[in-house]
Structure formats: structure tokens, C-alpha cells
Amino acid sequence: MKEYCQRTRKMNDKRAMWTYYKGEWREGDVRILGAASQATWLGSLVFDGARLFEGVTPDLDRHCARANDSARALGLEPTLSTSDIETLAREGLKKFAPGTDVYIRPMYWAEEGDTSTVAPLASSTDFALCLEAIPMVEPKGFTITTTSFRRPYMEVMPVNAKAACLYPNNARMLREAKAKGFHNALVTDVLGNVAETATSNVFMVRGGEVFTPAANGTFLNGITRQRVINLLRNAGISVHETVLKIDDFRQADEIFSSGNMSKVVPIVGFDDRKLEYGPLTKRARALYWEWAHA
């Protein structure tokens, strides 16, 4: 656990970054928000994340499109097209040495509120594209536990957007899990159905078949999640998107996660039970890597 946290801190300390802001590329951790920016104190900010690793940028176009979709969902007005963001990203990635793993993060936020102050003024939407050198995580896996915190639903929070305001809830889950000695948490929705982990979509394997929580509007139907499901099905592996409970995961043969930051990673422990980096998890990861490099 200590080694995992130290590795994460070191990753963030290097901050090898380029940011496109106000029409130009700027090196380093650029300050883009003011003290009076609406997003600073009222949270109207969305982002997305894509990856450059081993010279490939899988689904970059879809991540750029989702950034614009998230902006609209939060009442912001995208200022660039999907293709514009993708073109900028590819331009900026040339600033890094060959072989560098990069996290690609387009962001939109509100500079001003409307007459209510609380709601964002759509016409004040600003944009930045941050490219940060972050190594891909080795597939050593991580451990999970349960958490007392739940994923919200649409009537409570903007779960149809990759919005910054959702992440303090995820942070509570992670703090609780780490206080118990685990890396991450298996999270349910308000009805007690498993949704995802605190930071990624989740899958389980039982009897040679793959199961994952059905996208029910309480979590993002991740781009990497969708890609993994399609790749597994095309390979002849049964994938069930269905209602799952905590006990289903306790009885799983394998558990793995999918997400943009690390793609496909095994979960090697759930509470006091150890889990193997099993054959279907390895197959899912291999299929993703093969597709990404195709």
C-alpha cells in the first residue's frame, strides 16, 4: 500500500506538461483559473482523458467528443469541434520525446455565472488542453474493499458528464478504502447494485464468462469499457451487462477494471480474499493492446 501511494506521488511530482491555452502552447503547470472564476468556487468544470502510450492514441476522437458532450450537459458551450481538439492534441504530443506516455486532458469551464451566479454563463466558457507525461501502470493489480458511500443518480448530480464536481465523492470512497488498507473501493448505486470502482469501470469473471454492471445512468459508460466489451464479444467470449450485487463479486473467479488511465488492470484482492491475474483478464488486456496497435 505504501509503495503504491509513493509511486502515485512521484508520478504527480514530475509534472512534465504542455498546456494549450488562449491560442498558444505553454510549458509547465499553467494557471488557468482566477479567484473569481465561476468554476473555481462553484464547480462548473468538465474534462476528459485520453492516452498516448507505445506510440498509439486509442479512441482519441471519442474522448474529444465526450469532452464536448460533457460541457453541454453542464450548461457550458463548447468552443472547439471534436476534430479541432484532436488536431491540437496530436500537435502537442509532438513536443514529448518518442516513447513518452502522456495523459491527454481537454477541459472546459465557466468563467462567469449567469444572473443567478450559481448557474454557469454559457458564453463565458473557456478551454484548455493539458498534456502531461504520466507512465502507464504495470498490470500488477490493485485491491478493493466496500465503501459506505454511493454513486449518485441523475436527479442528484450531473452523472451524464465527466464533471469535476463528481470527484469529491469518489475521493471519499478512496480515503475510506485506504484507511482500511486497500487501494480502491467497489461502489454501489443507491439501490445497492454495483456500479463501478471509485475510479474505473469494473468487470468480473465467473464460469468462463464475463459480467459487468449494466449502464444505468449512475456512472459513465466508459469509452474503454465499451471497447473492451466489443473486443471480448468479437473474440467469442460471452459478456453480460446486468444487475450485479456485492456478493456476486465475492464469488467471482476474476475481477478486473477498465479505464482510460490504465486501460485494463487486474484486481488482485477483494477484502480478505486474494484473486489471481486470471486468463480472461489477461485475454481482455491482450485484446485491447492488439486492437490499439492494429
Protein backbone atom coordinates (compact mmCIF):
# COMPACT_ATOMS: atom_id res chain seq x y z
CA MET A 1 0.00 0.00 0.00
CA LYS A 2 2.81 2.42 0.96
CA GLU A 3 4.70 1.65 -2.25
CA TYR A 4 1.53 2.26 -4.31
CA CYS A 5 0.99 5.71 -2.73
CA GLN A 6 4.65 6.69 -3.12
CA ARG A 7 4.56 5.71 -6.79
CA THR A 8 1.47 7.87 -7.31
CA ARG A 9 3.07 10.87 -5.57
CA LYS A 10 6.26 10.58 -7.63
CA MET A 11 4.17 10.39 -10.80
CA ASN A 12 2.49 13.69 -9.93
CA ASP A 13 5.66 15.45 -8.74
CA LYS A 14 7.41 15.39 -12.14
CA ARG A 15 4.72 17.46 -13.89
CA ALA A 16 6.27 17.31 -17.38
CA MET A 17 3.44 19.17 -19.09
CA TRP A 18 2.35 21.24 -22.05
CA THR A 19 -0.92 23.18 -21.96
CA TYR A 20 -2.75 24.79 -24.86
CA TYR A 21 -4.49 27.89 -23.50
CA LYS A 22 -5.60 31.16 -25.09
CA GLY A 23 -4.34 30.15 -28.52
CA GLU A 24 -0.82 29.02 -27.65
CA TRP A 25 1.15 26.16 -26.14
CA ARG A 26 2.73 26.85 -22.75
CA GLU A 27 5.14 24.60 -20.92
CA GLY A 28 4.55 23.53 -17.33
CA ASP A 29 1.64 23.65 -14.90
CA VAL A 30 -0.15 26.70 -16.31
CA ARG A 31 -2.56 28.63 -14.06
CA ILE A 32 -5.84 28.89 -15.94
CA LEU A 33 -8.44 29.85 -13.29
CA GLY A 34 -8.84 33.08 -11.36
CA ALA A 35 -10.04 33.53 -7.81
CA ALA A 36 -13.34 34.87 -9.13
CA SER A 37 -13.81 32.32 -11.92
CA GLN A 38 -17.21 30.67 -11.57
CA ALA A 39 -15.62 27.23 -11.90
CA THR A 40 -13.18 27.96 -9.07
CA TRP A 41 -15.81 28.45 -6.42
CA LEU A 42 -18.96 26.90 -7.90
CA GLY A 43 -17.53 23.93 -9.76
CA SER A 44 -18.69 24.26 -13.37
CA LEU A 45 -15.79 22.36 -14.94
CA VAL A 46 -15.66 19.25 -17.11
CA PHE A 47 -12.77 17.29 -18.56
CA ASP A 48 -11.95 14.12 -20.40
CA GLY A 49 -8.90 11.92 -20.58
CA ALA A 50 -7.23 10.09 -23.46
CA ARG A 51 -3.88 8.36 -23.63
CA LEU A 52 -0.70 8.22 -25.68
CA PHE A 53 1.25 5.05 -24.91
CA GLU A 54 3.61 2.96 -27.02
CA GLY A 55 3.03 5.43 -29.84
CA VAL A 56 -0.75 4.93 -30.06
CA THR A 57 -3.74 7.09 -29.03
CA PRO A 58 -6.71 4.70 -28.88
CA ASP A 59 -10.17 6.27 -29.21
CA LEU A 60 -8.75 9.80 -29.05
CA ASP A 61 -11.58 11.09 -31.24
CA ARG A 62 -14.24 9.64 -28.92
CA HIS A 63 -12.63 11.18 -25.84
CA CYS A 64 -12.55 14.58 -27.55
CA ALA A 65 -16.21 14.21 -28.50
CA ARG A 66 -17.14 13.28 -24.94
CA ALA A 67 -15.45 16.44 -23.63
CA ASN A 68 -17.88 18.47 -25.74
CA ASP A 69 -20.84 16.32 -24.67
CA SER A 70 -19.91 16.80 -21.01
CA ALA A 71 -19.67 20.56 -21.49
CA ARG A 72 -23.18 20.71 -22.91
CA ALA A 73 -24.52 18.52 -20.10
CA LEU A 74 -23.22 21.04 -17.56
CA GLY A 75 -24.69 24.03 -19.37
CA LEU A 76 -21.41 25.09 -20.98
CA GLU A 77 -20.85 25.90 -24.64
CA PRO A 78 -18.01 24.02 -26.37
CA THR A 79 -15.69 26.39 -28.17
CA LEU A 80 -13.89 23.81 -30.32
CA SER A 81 -15.11 20.96 -32.50
CA THR A 82 -14.14 17.37 -31.80
CA SER A 83 -11.74 17.38 -34.75
CA ASP A 84 -10.18 20.68 -33.59
CA ILE A 85 -9.40 19.20 -30.17
CA GLU A 86 -7.98 16.04 -31.72
CA THR A 87 -5.78 18.05 -34.09
CA LEU A 88 -4.46 20.16 -31.21
CA ALA A 89 -3.74 17.05 -29.16
CA ARG A 90 -1.73 15.44 -31.93
CA GLU A 91 0.17 18.70 -32.45
CA GLY A 92 1.02 18.97 -28.75
CA LEU A 93 2.09 15.35 -28.41
CA LYS A 94 4.98 16.05 -30.79
CA LYS A 95 6.54 18.15 -28.01
CA PHE A 96 7.28 14.99 -26.00
CA ALA A 97 10.17 12.61 -26.62
CA PRO A 98 9.30 9.44 -28.54
CA GLY A 99 8.17 6.68 -26.20
CA THR A 100 6.72 9.04 -23.60
CA ASP A 101 3.39 8.01 -22.08
CA VAL A 102 1.08 11.03 -21.99
CA TYR A 103 -2.28 11.78 -20.37
CA ILE A 104 -4.39 13.95 -22.70
CA ARG A 105 -6.91 16.12 -20.83
CA PRO A 106 -9.21 18.59 -22.62
CA MET A 107 -11.12 20.82 -20.19
CA TYR A 108 -13.99 23.31 -20.34
CA TRP A 109 -15.16 25.57 -17.54
CA ALA A 110 -17.27 28.64 -16.86
CA GLU A 111 -15.54 31.93 -16.16
CA GLU A 112 -18.79 33.66 -15.16
CA GLY A 113 -22.20 32.78 -13.78
CA ASP A 114 -25.49 33.89 -15.25
CA THR A 115 -27.83 36.26 -13.39
CA SER A 116 -28.25 33.63 -10.68
CA THR A 117 -24.44 33.43 -10.24
CA VAL A 118 -24.73 29.72 -9.44
CA ALA A 119 -25.60 28.59 -12.98
CA PRO A 120 -22.77 28.99 -15.50
CA LEU A 121 -22.96 31.63 -18.20
CA ALA A 122 -22.58 29.50 -21.33
CA SER A 123 -20.99 32.29 -23.35
CA SER A 124 -18.17 32.57 -20.78
CA THR A 125 -16.97 29.01 -21.43
CA ASP A 126 -13.18 28.72 -21.63
CA PHE A 127 -10.97 25.85 -22.79
CA ALA A 128 -7.57 24.34 -22.12
CA LEU A 129 -5.86 21.17 -23.31
CA CYS A 130 -3.35 19.75 -20.86
CA LEU A 131 -0.84 17.10 -21.91
CA GLU A 132 1.04 15.52 -19.01
CA ALA A 133 3.71 12.82 -19.04
CA ILE A 134 2.31 10.03 -16.84
CA PRO A 135 3.68 6.49 -17.19
CA MET A 136 1.27 3.65 -17.85
CA VAL A 137 0.70 1.47 -14.81
CA GLU A 138 2.14 -2.04 -14.92
CA PRO A 139 -0.59 -4.71 -14.66
CA LYS A 140 0.37 -5.75 -11.14
CA GLY A 141 -3.17 -5.11 -9.99
CA PHE A 142 -4.79 -3.46 -7.01
CA THR A 143 -7.00 -4.38 -4.08
CA ILE A 144 -10.56 -3.31 -3.33
CA THR A 145 -12.96 -3.19 -0.43
CA THR A 146 -16.51 -1.97 0.05
CA THR A 147 -17.43 1.61 0.88
CA SER A 148 -20.28 3.29 2.72
CA PHE A 149 -20.54 5.96 0.01
CA ARG A 150 -22.72 5.51 -3.09
CA ARG A 151 -22.80 6.64 -6.68
CA PRO A 152 -25.44 9.35 -7.25
CA TYR A 153 -28.17 9.32 -9.87
CA MET A 154 -29.21 11.85 -12.49
CA GLU A 155 -31.72 13.71 -10.31
CA VAL A 156 -28.97 14.39 -7.76
CA MET A 157 -25.78 15.05 -9.74
CA PRO A 158 -24.74 15.51 -13.40
CA VAL A 159 -23.68 11.89 -13.86
CA ASN A 160 -24.06 12.21 -17.64
CA ALA A 161 -20.92 14.37 -17.69
CA LYS A 162 -17.29 13.81 -16.76
CA ALA A 163 -17.63 16.68 -14.32
CA ALA A 164 -15.09 17.72 -11.70
CA CYS A 165 -17.87 18.21 -9.14
CA LEU A 166 -18.45 14.43 -9.04
CA TYR A 167 -14.95 13.59 -7.88
CA PRO A 168 -15.05 14.70 -4.21
CA ASN A 169 -17.50 11.83 -3.70
CA ASN A 170 -15.03 9.43 -5.33
CA ALA A 171 -12.33 10.87 -3.09
CA ARG A 172 -14.38 9.97 -0.01
CA MET A 173 -14.57 6.40 -1.26
CA LEU A 174 -10.82 6.24 -1.81
CA ARG A 175 -9.99 7.72 1.59
CA GLU A 176 -12.25 5.21 3.29
CA ALA A 177 -10.74 2.31 1.34
CA LYS A 178 -7.17 3.40 2.03
CA ALA A 179 -7.94 3.82 5.73
CA LYS A 180 -8.93 0.14 5.69
CA GLY A 181 -5.67 -0.83 3.95
CA PHE A 182 -6.90 -1.18 0.37
CA HIS A 183 -6.17 0.69 -2.86
CA ASN A 184 -9.70 1.27 -4.12
CA ALA A 185 -13.38 0.62 -3.47
CA LEU A 186 -16.17 -1.36 -5.10
CA VAL A 187 -19.07 1.08 -5.24
CA THR A 188 -22.83 0.59 -5.43
CA ASP A 189 -25.62 2.89 -6.51
CA VAL A 190 -28.37 4.00 -4.13
CA LEU A 191 -30.26 0.73 -4.73
CA GLY A 192 -27.30 -1.38 -3.68
CA ASN A 193 -26.37 -2.54 -7.19
CA VAL A 194 -22.67 -2.50 -8.04
CA ALA A 195 -21.79 0.45 -10.29
CA GLU A 196 -18.00 0.61 -10.63
CA THR A 197 -14.88 1.15 -8.56
CA ALA A 198 -14.13 4.61 -7.20
CA THR A 199 -12.02 5.39 -10.27
CA SER A 200 -12.93 2.99 -13.09
CA ASN A 201 -15.46 0.62 -14.60
CA VAL A 202 -15.41 -2.93 -13.26
CA PHE A 203 -15.82 -6.46 -14.64
CA MET A 204 -15.96 -9.91 -13.06
CA VAL A 205 -15.44 -13.40 -14.42
CA ARG A 206 -17.35 -16.49 -13.38
CA GLY A 207 -17.56 -19.86 -15.10
CA GLY A 208 -15.62 -18.65 -18.13
CA GLU A 209 -17.98 -15.74 -18.82
CA VAL A 210 -17.59 -12.00 -18.19
CA PHE A 211 -20.09 -9.87 -16.28
CA THR A 212 -20.21 -6.10 -15.83
CA PRO A 213 -22.77 -3.74 -14.26
CA ALA A 214 -25.38 -2.57 -16.75
CA ALA A 215 -25.01 1.12 -17.56
CA ASN A 216 -27.93 2.51 -15.54
CA GLY A 217 -27.15 6.23 -15.52
CA THR A 218 -25.32 6.29 -12.18
CA PHE A 219 -21.85 6.07 -13.74
CA LEU A 220 -20.20 6.89 -17.05
CA ASN A 221 -20.49 4.14 -19.64
CA GLY A 222 -16.77 4.38 -20.24
CA ILE A 223 -15.21 4.51 -23.69
CA THR A 224 -12.63 1.90 -22.69
CA ARG A 225 -15.43 -0.17 -21.11
CA GLN A 226 -17.38 -0.18 -24.36
CA ARG A 227 -14.27 -1.05 -26.33
CA VAL A 228 -13.38 -3.98 -24.04
CA ILE A 229 -16.93 -5.38 -24.20
CA ASN A 230 -16.90 -5.28 -28.02
CA LEU A 231 -13.44 -6.84 -28.26
CA LEU A 232 -14.35 -9.69 -25.92
CA ARG A 233 -17.60 -10.41 -27.75
CA ASN A 234 -15.89 -10.33 -31.13
CA ALA A 235 -13.43 -12.89 -29.74
CA GLY A 236 -16.33 -15.21 -28.90
CA ILE A 237 -16.37 -14.54 -25.16
CA SER A 238 -19.77 -14.07 -23.50
CA VAL A 239 -20.16 -10.66 -21.84
CA HIS A 240 -23.26 -9.95 -19.75
CA GLU A 241 -24.25 -6.36 -18.92
CA THR A 242 -26.56 -6.96 -15.99
CA VAL A 243 -27.52 -6.11 -12.41
CA LEU A 244 -24.78 -7.27 -10.03
CA LYS A 245 -24.55 -7.26 -6.25
CA ILE A 246 -21.54 -7.15 -3.94
CA ASP A 247 -21.98 -10.87 -3.25
CA ASP A 248 -21.63 -11.61 -6.97
CA PHE A 249 -18.15 -10.11 -6.86
CA ARG A 250 -17.33 -12.08 -3.72
CA GLN A 251 -18.00 -15.24 -5.72
CA ALA A 252 -16.07 -14.15 -8.82
CA ASP A 253 -13.19 -16.14 -10.27
CA GLU A 254 -11.53 -12.95 -11.53
CA ILE A 255 -12.16 -9.21 -11.25
CA PHE A 256 -10.65 -6.50 -13.44
CA SER A 257 -11.12 -2.82 -14.15
CA SER A 258 -11.17 -0.72 -17.29
CA GLY A 259 -10.48 2.96 -17.59
CA ASN A 260 -8.56 5.48 -19.62
CA MET A 261 -5.66 5.98 -17.22
CA SER A 262 -4.54 2.34 -17.09
CA LYS A 263 -6.80 0.66 -19.67
CA VAL A 264 -7.26 -2.95 -18.42
CA VAL A 265 -5.86 -3.87 -14.99
CA PRO A 266 -6.44 -6.89 -12.73
CA ILE A 267 -7.93 -6.61 -9.27
CA VAL A 268 -5.89 -8.96 -7.09
CA GLY A 269 -7.76 -8.77 -3.81
CA PHE A 270 -11.27 -8.11 -2.51
CA ASP A 271 -11.33 -7.61 1.26
CA ASP A 272 -9.61 -10.66 2.78
CA ARG A 273 -9.76 -12.72 -0.42
CA LYS A 274 -6.83 -12.87 -2.83
CA LEU A 275 -7.52 -13.07 -6.56
CA GLU A 276 -5.35 -14.24 -9.43
CA TYR A 277 -4.46 -12.27 -12.53
CA GLY A 278 -6.57 -14.78 -14.41
CA PRO A 279 -6.78 -15.94 -18.03
CA LEU A 280 -9.80 -13.89 -19.09
CA THR A 281 -8.37 -10.72 -17.55
CA LYS A 282 -5.14 -11.35 -19.46
CA ARG A 283 -7.18 -12.01 -22.59
CA ALA A 284 -9.10 -8.74 -22.21
CA ARG A 285 -5.87 -6.78 -21.78
CA ALA A 286 -4.19 -8.54 -24.71
CA LEU A 287 -7.19 -7.92 -26.98
CA TYR A 288 -7.17 -4.23 -26.09
CA TRP A 289 -3.43 -3.91 -26.76
CA GLU A 290 -3.71 -5.77 -30.05
CA TRP A 291 -6.59 -3.53 -31.16
CA ALA A 292 -4.82 -0.33 -30.06
CA HIS A 293 -1.75 -1.23 -32.12
CA ALA A 294 -3.66 -2.50 -35.16
